[in-house]
Protein backbone atom coordinates (compact mmCIF):
# COMPACT_ATOMS: atom_id res chain seq x y z
CA MET A 1 65.05 72.79 100.01
CA GLY A 2 65.24 74.48 103.39
CA TYR A 3 66.94 77.69 104.41
CA GLN A 4 66.93 77.72 108.19
CA ILE A 5 67.94 79.96 111.06
CA PHE A 6 69.42 78.33 114.14
CA PHE A 7 70.94 79.99 117.20
CA SER A 8 70.70 77.18 119.79
CA CYS A 9 73.94 75.93 121.35
CA PHE A 10 72.42 72.46 121.43
CA LEU A 11 71.82 72.52 117.70
CA LEU A 12 75.34 73.76 117.09
CA VAL A 13 76.76 70.74 118.95
CA LEU A 14 74.73 68.48 116.70
CA LEU A 15 75.89 70.30 113.59
CA ILE A 16 79.59 70.03 114.34
CA ALA A 17 79.43 66.43 115.56
CA PRO A 18 80.76 63.70 113.23
CA LEU A 19 78.11 62.75 110.69
CA SER A 20 78.04 58.95 110.62
CA TYR A 21 74.61 58.97 108.97
CA ALA A 22 75.43 61.21 105.99
CA GLU A 23 79.16 61.63 105.37
CA GLU A 24 78.66 63.40 102.05
CA GLU A 25 76.02 65.92 103.22
CA ILE A 26 77.37 69.47 103.06
CA LEU A 27 76.22 72.05 105.59
CA ILE A 28 76.18 75.64 104.35
CA ALA A 29 76.68 78.33 106.99
CA THR A 30 76.26 82.06 106.72
CA GLU A 31 75.88 85.07 109.01
CA ASP A 32 73.70 88.14 109.33
CA TRP A 33 75.54 90.56 107.03
CA PRO A 34 73.22 92.71 104.87
CA PRO A 35 73.07 92.97 101.94
CA TYR A 36 74.91 89.67 101.44
CA SER A 37 72.86 87.49 103.81
CA TYR A 38 70.07 88.38 106.21
CA VAL A 39 66.59 87.32 107.22
CA GLN A 40 63.49 88.87 105.66
CA ASN A 41 60.00 87.53 106.27
CA GLY A 42 61.48 84.45 107.89
CA GLU A 43 63.68 83.60 104.89
CA ILE A 44 67.43 83.90 104.38
CA THR A 45 67.98 86.31 101.51
CA GLY A 46 70.61 88.73 100.19
CA VAL A 47 73.07 89.00 97.31
CA SER A 48 75.23 86.02 98.27
CA ALA A 49 72.31 83.99 99.59
CA ASP A 50 70.42 84.36 96.31
CA ILE A 51 73.52 83.35 94.34
CA VAL A 52 74.07 80.28 96.50
CA LYS A 53 70.41 79.28 96.25
CA HIS A 54 70.58 79.55 92.46
CA ILE A 55 73.73 77.42 92.34
CA LEU A 56 72.02 74.77 94.47
CA THR A 57 69.09 74.74 92.07
CA MET A 58 71.41 74.47 89.06
CA LEU A 59 73.25 71.53 90.64
CA ASN A 60 70.04 69.88 91.90
CA LYS A 61 71.41 69.91 95.43
CA SER A 62 69.30 69.99 98.59
CA TYR A 63 71.90 71.17 101.10
CA GLU A 64 70.57 73.24 103.99
CA ILE A 65 71.61 76.85 104.61
CA PHE A 66 71.95 77.84 108.26
CA LEU A 67 72.30 81.43 109.48
CA PHE A 68 74.40 81.76 112.63
CA PRO A 69 75.96 84.64 114.52
CA SER A 70 79.27 85.56 112.89
CA THR A 71 81.66 83.82 115.29
CA ARG A 72 79.52 80.68 115.31
CA SER A 73 79.41 80.39 111.53
CA THR A 74 83.21 80.65 111.38
CA TYR A 75 83.56 78.14 114.21
CA THR A 76 81.33 75.69 112.36
CA LEU A 77 83.37 76.11 109.18
CA ASN A 78 86.62 75.49 111.02
CA ASN A 79 85.48 72.55 113.12
CA ARG A 80 82.87 70.59 111.18
CA PRO A 81 83.83 68.49 108.14
CA HIS A 82 81.93 69.01 104.88
CA THR A 83 81.03 72.64 105.56
CA MET A 84 80.74 75.64 103.28
CA MET A 85 80.32 79.26 104.33
CA PHE A 86 79.48 82.52 102.61
CA THR A 87 80.46 85.36 102.46
CA LEU A 88 84.20 85.59 103.27
CA PHE A 89 86.99 87.97 102.30
CA ARG A 90 89.75 86.17 100.40
CA THR A 91 93.04 87.21 101.99
CA PRO A 92 96.58 85.80 101.85
CA GLN A 93 96.28 84.78 105.51
CA ARG A 94 93.20 82.65 104.77
CA GLU A 95 94.28 81.28 101.37
CA SER A 96 95.52 77.86 102.48
CA GLN A 97 92.79 77.31 105.08
CA TYR A 98 89.90 76.73 102.67
CA LYS A 99 88.86 75.96 99.13
CA TRP A 100 87.43 78.96 97.30
CA ILE A 101 84.45 79.51 94.98
CA GLY A 102 84.01 82.91 93.41
CA PRO A 103 84.42 85.74 93.39
CA LEU A 104 80.91 86.68 94.43
CA SER A 105 81.56 90.42 94.65
CA ASN A 106 84.23 93.03 95.18
CA GLY A 107 84.68 93.50 98.90
CA SER A 108 87.01 96.49 98.96
CA ILE A 109 86.18 99.10 101.59
CA TYR A 110 86.56 102.87 101.17
CA LEU A 111 86.02 106.04 103.10
CA TYR A 112 82.92 108.02 102.10
CA LYS A 113 82.31 111.74 102.51
CA ARG A 114 79.38 114.03 101.86
CA LYS A 115 79.40 115.43 98.32
CA ASP A 116 79.30 119.03 99.51
CA THR A 117 82.58 118.83 101.46
CA TYR A 118 86.34 118.50 100.98
CA GLU A 119 86.60 118.32 97.22
CA GLU A 120 90.41 118.26 97.21
CA ILE A 121 91.21 114.94 98.86
CA LYS A 122 94.24 113.80 96.85
CA SER A 123 95.58 111.20 99.26
CA LEU A 124 94.85 109.60 102.61
CA ASP A 125 97.58 111.81 104.07
CA ASP A 126 95.37 114.84 103.35
CA ILE A 127 92.81 113.45 105.79
CA LYS A 128 95.39 112.69 108.46
CA GLU A 129 97.13 116.05 108.18
CA ALA A 130 93.87 117.99 108.39
CA ASN A 131 92.80 115.91 111.39
CA LEU A 132 89.42 115.28 109.80
CA LEU A 133 87.08 113.09 111.83
CA ILE A 134 86.34 109.53 110.67
CA CYS A 135 83.34 107.56 111.96
CA CYS A 136 83.94 103.81 112.21
CA ARG A 137 83.22 100.82 114.44
CA LYS A 138 85.05 100.56 117.74
CA GLU A 139 86.83 97.33 116.86
CA GLY A 140 87.38 94.93 114.01
CA LEU A 141 89.29 94.78 110.73
CA ILE A 142 88.68 98.35 109.55
CA HIS A 143 89.39 99.96 112.91
CA ASP A 144 92.66 98.01 113.10
CA LEU A 145 93.66 99.00 109.56
CA LEU A 146 92.93 102.68 110.17
CA THR A 147 95.03 102.58 113.32
CA GLU A 148 97.87 100.80 111.49
CA LYS A 149 97.78 103.47 108.77
CA GLY A 150 98.24 106.18 111.40
CA PHE A 151 94.72 107.57 111.68
CA LYS A 152 94.12 108.88 115.19
CA ASN A 153 91.06 111.04 114.51
CA LEU A 154 88.51 108.24 114.89
CA ASP A 155 84.98 108.48 116.24
CA ASP A 156 84.35 104.84 117.09
CA THR A 157 81.28 105.25 119.27
CA ALA A 158 78.82 103.71 116.77
CA ALA A 159 78.40 99.94 116.81
CA LEU A 160 76.45 99.47 113.57
CA GLY A 161 76.87 100.54 109.96
CA PRO A 162 73.60 102.51 109.74
CA GLN A 163 74.58 104.55 112.81
CA ILE A 164 77.94 105.40 111.22
CA TYR A 165 76.44 106.69 107.97
CA LYS A 166 73.70 108.57 109.82
CA LYS A 167 76.44 110.48 111.63
CA LEU A 168 78.09 111.33 108.33
CA LEU A 169 74.84 112.54 106.78
CA ALA A 170 74.13 114.65 109.87
CA GLY A 171 77.54 116.29 109.67
CA ARG A 172 78.78 114.80 112.92
CA CYS A 173 81.91 113.46 111.22
CA ASP A 174 83.82 114.22 108.03
CA PHE A 175 84.15 110.67 106.72
CA ALA A 176 82.51 107.31 107.35
CA ILE A 177 83.73 103.79 106.81
CA SER A 178 82.40 100.35 107.70
CA GLU A 179 80.92 98.69 104.62
CA THR A 180 81.69 97.61 101.07
CA ASP A 181 80.30 99.79 98.27
CA LEU A 182 77.28 97.52 97.99
CA GLY A 183 76.80 97.71 101.75
CA VAL A 184 76.84 101.52 101.70
CA ARG A 185 74.22 101.50 98.94
CA TYR A 186 72.08 99.10 100.94
CA ILE A 187 72.23 101.28 104.05
CA LEU A 188 71.31 104.48 102.23
CA LYS A 189 68.54 102.67 100.41
CA SER A 190 67.14 101.72 103.83
CA PHE A 191 67.02 105.49 104.53
CA ASN A 192 65.19 106.01 101.19
CA LEU A 193 68.28 107.82 99.91
CA LYS A 194 70.71 107.28 97.02
CA VAL A 195 74.48 107.19 97.42
CA GLU A 196 75.07 109.10 94.19
CA ASP A 197 72.89 111.98 95.37
CA LEU A 198 74.61 112.58 98.70
CA LEU A 199 77.90 110.75 99.14
CA GLU A 200 81.20 110.41 97.36
CA LYS A 201 83.77 107.64 97.69
CA VAL A 202 87.35 108.64 98.46
CA PRO A 203 89.24 106.72 95.73
CA PHE A 204 91.90 105.20 97.99
CA PRO A 205 90.87 101.84 99.47
CA ILE A 206 91.49 101.16 103.12
CA PHE A 207 91.02 97.44 102.47
CA GLU A 208 91.10 95.50 99.19
CA ALA A 209 89.71 91.98 98.78
CA GLU A 210 87.05 90.00 96.95
CA LEU A 211 84.22 88.05 98.53
CA TYR A 212 83.89 84.29 98.12
CA ILE A 213 82.09 81.12 99.11
CA VAL A 214 84.55 78.99 101.08
CA ALA A 215 84.64 75.27 101.68
CA SER A 216 86.39 73.07 104.21
CA ARG A 217 89.38 71.36 102.64
CA ASP A 218 87.89 67.86 102.91
CA ILE A 219 85.26 68.67 100.27
CA PRO A 220 86.41 67.08 96.98
CA ASP A 221 87.84 69.29 94.24
CA GLU A 222 85.19 67.89 91.89
CA GLU A 223 82.45 69.41 94.03
CA ILE A 224 84.26 72.75 94.15
CA GLN A 225 84.59 72.75 90.37
CA LEU A 226 80.86 72.05 89.96
CA TRP A 227 80.08 75.12 92.08
CA GLN A 228 82.64 77.27 90.28
CA SER A 229 81.29 76.27 86.87
CA ALA A 230 77.73 77.00 87.96
CA LEU A 231 78.74 80.47 89.18
CA GLU A 232 80.57 81.21 85.94
CA SER A 233 77.49 80.09 84.00
CA MET A 234 75.35 82.51 86.05
CA LYS A 235 77.73 85.33 85.14
CA SER A 236 77.80 84.50 81.43
CA THR A 237 74.00 84.24 81.14
CA GLY A 238 73.22 87.46 83.02
CA VAL A 239 71.56 85.80 86.04
CA TYR A 240 74.36 86.94 88.34
CA GLU A 241 74.03 90.57 87.26
CA GLU A 242 70.26 90.45 87.75
CA ILE A 243 70.82 89.43 91.38
CA ILE A 244 73.42 92.15 91.94
CA GLN A 245 71.13 94.83 90.48
CA LYS A 246 68.30 93.70 92.74
CA TYR A 247 70.28 94.90 95.75
CA ARG A 248 71.71 98.14 94.33
């Protein structure tokens, strides 16, 4: 079984072209999104990647996994028949577009603060009224949601998650937000730090959703059910939890 990384436009054209030679072959796309999927030592790994690989082994499938840039993986999913993709937020807007396998993980996203500050945050309004500074990305889902919720005190100069949480740890902002809980743990672990030692989650989610494997709607329901049953078996036997703990 191969787990490959392709960025070539030429290869993309081949991948989304009609497959006259193998109509039933499923292509599995993913993106660089640690800790869910990323490349390490030339191999695609991560929480979701390891789950998908285990499902493929359980089902005795030899489908390829391809890691693309984010927009390209979504484009492939939306334009090539017989395509799966992981990992995607399940939202009402996307519900009818795909078939869903999961959940893989909780994908809710929260503000984090340093443990030694602002103990009395009782609502998101407390943050707005005190004009406390929030570090986030310049654009994207979370930036849009913060703006919609009336937050104007945004430091959106950092482009990457690690930069955002470094600012928080250095005291250059009061709150940070960009990742799921598992993503925050992964980032701090890369700094050789532990979330529970330094940071505290503000218990009011900015975004709530679960993370799934998605499939193009032409893939038969029988195939989807095989994947769902395999995932549920992983959860009941403890294999799923072993994978999750590996990345905590």
